[in-house]
C-alpha atoms as a PDB file:
ATOM      1  CA  MET A   1      10.432  -2.802   3.993  1.00  0.00           C
ATOM      2  CA  SER A   2      11.652  -3.110   0.022  1.00  0.00           C
ATOM      3  CA  GLU A   3      14.705  -2.252  -0.706  1.00  0.00           C
ATOM      4  CA  LYS A   4      16.107   1.225  -1.227  1.00  0.00           C
ATOM      5  CA  ILE A   5      18.213   3.484  -4.212  1.00  0.00           C
ATOM      6  CA  ASN A   6      20.400   6.336  -4.399  1.00  0.00           C
ATOM      7  CA  ILE A   7      19.807   9.366  -6.421  1.00  0.00           C
ATOM      8  CA  LYS A   8      22.257  11.638  -6.899  1.00  0.00           C
ATOM      9  CA  LEU A   9      21.432  15.419  -6.278  1.00  0.00           C
ATOM     10  CA  PRO A  10      23.131  18.564  -6.810  1.00  0.00           C
ATOM     11  CA  VAL A  11      23.954  19.780  -3.188  1.00  0.00           C
ATOM     12  CA  ASP A  12      23.025  22.972  -4.117  1.00  0.00           C
ATOM     13  CA  LEU A  13      19.951  21.871  -3.685  1.00  0.00           C
ATOM     14  CA  LEU A  14      19.728  21.661  -0.100  1.00  0.00           C
ATOM     15  CA  GLU A  15      21.339  25.283   0.404  1.00  0.00           C
ATOM     16  CA  LEU A  16      18.431  26.498  -2.930  1.00  0.00           C
ATOM     17  CA  THR A  17      15.484  25.279  -1.091  1.00  0.00           C
ATOM     18  CA  GLY A  18      17.169  25.544   2.794  1.00  0.00           C
ATOM     19  CA  LEU A  19      15.547  21.822   3.204  1.00  0.00           C
ATOM     20  CA  SER A  20      17.712  18.741   5.010  1.00  0.00           C
ATOM     21  CA  PHE A  21      18.995  15.950   3.370  1.00  0.00           C
ATOM     22  CA  LYS A  22      16.424  13.910   5.171  1.00  0.00           C
ATOM     23  CA  ARG A  23      13.497  16.317   4.074  1.00  0.00           C
ATOM     24  CA  LEU A  24      14.782  16.896   0.343  1.00  0.00           C
ATOM     25  CA  GLU A  25      14.719  13.001  -0.091  1.00  0.00           C
ATOM     26  CA  GLU A  26      11.198  12.971   1.401  1.00  0.00           C
ATOM     27  CA  LYS A  27       9.795  15.386  -1.213  1.00  0.00           C
ATOM     28  CA  ASN A  28      11.708  13.894  -3.728  1.00  0.00           C
ATOM     29  CA  LEU A  29      10.147  10.890  -3.392  1.00  0.00           C
ATOM     30  CA  LEU A  30       6.482  12.767  -2.436  1.00  0.00           C
ATOM     31  CA  ILE A  31       7.018  14.276  -5.813  1.00  0.00           C
ATOM     32  CA  TRP A  32       7.901  11.369  -7.513  1.00  0.00           C
ATOM     33  CA  VAL A  33       5.173   9.235  -6.276  1.00  0.00           C
ATOM     34  CA  LEU A  34       2.784  11.707  -7.306  1.00  0.00           C
ATOM     35  CA  GLU A  35       3.655  11.622 -10.935  1.00  0.00           C
ATOM     36  CA  LEU A  36       3.692   7.978 -10.740  1.00  0.00           C
ATOM     37  CA  TYR A  37      -0.093   8.169  -9.576  1.00  0.00           C
ATOM     38  CA  SER A  38      -1.400  10.908 -12.075  1.00  0.00           C
ATOM     39  CA  GLU A  39      -0.150   8.554 -14.776  1.00  0.00           C
ATOM     40  CA  GLY A  40      -2.021   6.184 -13.281  1.00  0.00           C
ATOM     41  CA  LYS A  41       1.050   3.542 -12.775  1.00  0.00           C
ATOM     42  CA  ILE A  42       0.282   3.017  -8.891  1.00  0.00           C
ATOM     43  CA  THR A  43      -2.835   2.874  -7.297  1.00  0.00           C
ATOM     44  CA  LEU A  44      -4.175   5.055  -4.924  1.00  0.00           C
ATOM     45  CA  SER A  45      -3.472   3.249  -1.498  1.00  0.00           C
ATOM     46  CA  LYS A  46       0.039   2.239  -3.101  1.00  0.00           C
ATOM     47  CA  ALA A  47       1.297   5.646  -3.606  1.00  0.00           C
ATOM     48  CA  ALA A  48       0.170   6.188  -0.106  1.00  0.00           C
ATOM     49  CA  ASN A  49       1.476   3.207   1.247  1.00  0.00           C
ATOM     50  CA  LEU A  50       5.002   4.376  -0.514  1.00  0.00           C
ATOM     51  CA  VAL A  51       4.939   7.665   0.758  1.00  0.00           C
ATOM     52  CA  GLN A  52       3.918   6.905   4.370  1.00  0.00           C
ATOM     53  CA  MET A  53       0.682   8.396   3.852  1.00  0.00           C
ATOM     54  CA  LYS A  54      -2.404   8.354   4.646  1.00  0.00           C
ATOM     55  CA  VAL A  55      -4.695   8.512   1.621  1.00  0.00           C
ATOM     56  CA  ASP A  56      -6.327  10.957   2.243  1.00  0.00           C
ATOM     57  CA  ASN A  57      -3.332  13.310   2.965  1.00  0.00           C
ATOM     58  CA  PHE A  58      -2.026  11.686  -0.325  1.00  0.00           C
ATOM     59  CA  LEU A  59      -4.845  12.850  -1.699  1.00  0.00           C
ATOM     60  CA  SER A  60      -4.519  16.163  -0.351  1.00  0.00           C
ATOM     61  CA  GLU A  61      -1.455  16.826  -1.767  1.00  0.00           C
ATOM     62  CA  PHE A  62      -2.312  15.669  -5.090  1.00  0.00           C
ATOM     63  CA  GLN A  63      -5.331  17.747  -4.840  1.00  0.00           C
ATOM     64  CA  LYS A  64      -2.999  21.176  -4.097  1.00  0.00           C
ATOM     65  CA  ARG A  65      -0.596  20.477  -6.721  1.00  0.00           C
ATOM     66  CA  HIS A  66      -3.473  20.307  -9.418  1.00  0.00           C
ATOM     67  CA  LEU A  67      -2.662  17.403 -10.648  1.00  0.00           C
ATOM     68  CA  LYS A  68      -5.162  15.496 -12.612  1.00  0.00           C
ATOM     69  CA  HIS A  69      -5.314  11.156 -12.616  1.00  0.00           C
ATOM     70  CA  VAL A  70      -4.670   9.795 -16.091  1.00  0.00           C
ATOM     71  CA  GLY A  71      -4.880   6.243 -15.431  1.00  0.00           C
ATOM     72  CA  GLY A  72      -7.544   4.062 -13.681  1.00  0.00           C
ATOM     73  CA  PRO A  73      -7.299   0.718 -11.069  1.00  0.00           C
ATOM     74  CA  GLU A  74      -6.144  -2.602 -12.564  1.00  0.00           C
ATOM     75  CA  THR A  75      -8.919  -4.832 -10.931  1.00  0.00           C
ATOM     76  CA  LEU A  76     -12.482  -4.145 -10.302  1.00  0.00           C
ATOM     77  CA  GLN A  77     -11.280  -4.660  -6.615  1.00  0.00           C
ATOM     78  CA  GLU A  78      -8.922  -1.893  -6.625  1.00  0.00           C
ATOM     79  CA  ALA A  79     -11.458   0.108  -8.436  1.00  0.00           C
ATOM     80  CA  GLN A  80     -14.037  -0.356  -5.164  1.00  0.00           C
ATOM     81  CA  LYS A  81     -11.250   0.183  -2.759  1.00  0.00           C
ATOM     82  CA  ASP A  82     -10.258   3.781  -4.246  1.00  0.00           C
ATOM     83  CA  PHE A  83     -14.276   4.583  -4.771  1.00  0.00           C
ATOM     84  CA  ASP A  84     -14.639   3.726  -1.285  1.00  0.00           C
ATOM     85  CA  THR A  85     -12.214   5.414   0.269  1.00  0.00           C
ATOM     86  CA  ILE A  86     -13.185   8.390  -1.532  1.00  0.00           C
ATOM     87  CA  GLN A  87     -16.436   8.173  -1.041  1.00  0.00           C
ATOM     88  CA  SER A  88     -15.551   7.760   2.864  1.00  0.00           C
ATOM     89  CA  LEU A  89     -13.409  11.009   2.498  1.00  0.00           C
ATOM     90  CA  HIS A  90     -16.156  13.097   1.325  1.00  0.00           C
ATOM     91  CA  LYS A  91     -18.516  12.096   3.945  1.00  0.00           C
ATOM     92  CA  ASP A  92     -16.061  13.341   6.747  1.00  0.00           C
ATOM     93  CA  ARG A  93     -15.980  16.760   4.894  1.00  0.00           C
END
């Protein structure tokens, strides 16, 4: 597991959202990773791994928010892996 950092947020967020501290932390991480993925700063598999989700669940969260992916894979292997993942997800539907 990698090192962690602490980010300070207003305590009012807990009350406003009705979320527990843990759930708020998870949600903020997910939103941050979704943004990084949409900007092309991390790969699909890295994004899903960071939030401890299966790739198809991460893609579902991404699509649910109507985000657009502007980046691309850094290597041919990453492109092939992403393509294979998406193809398998479409076969399952």
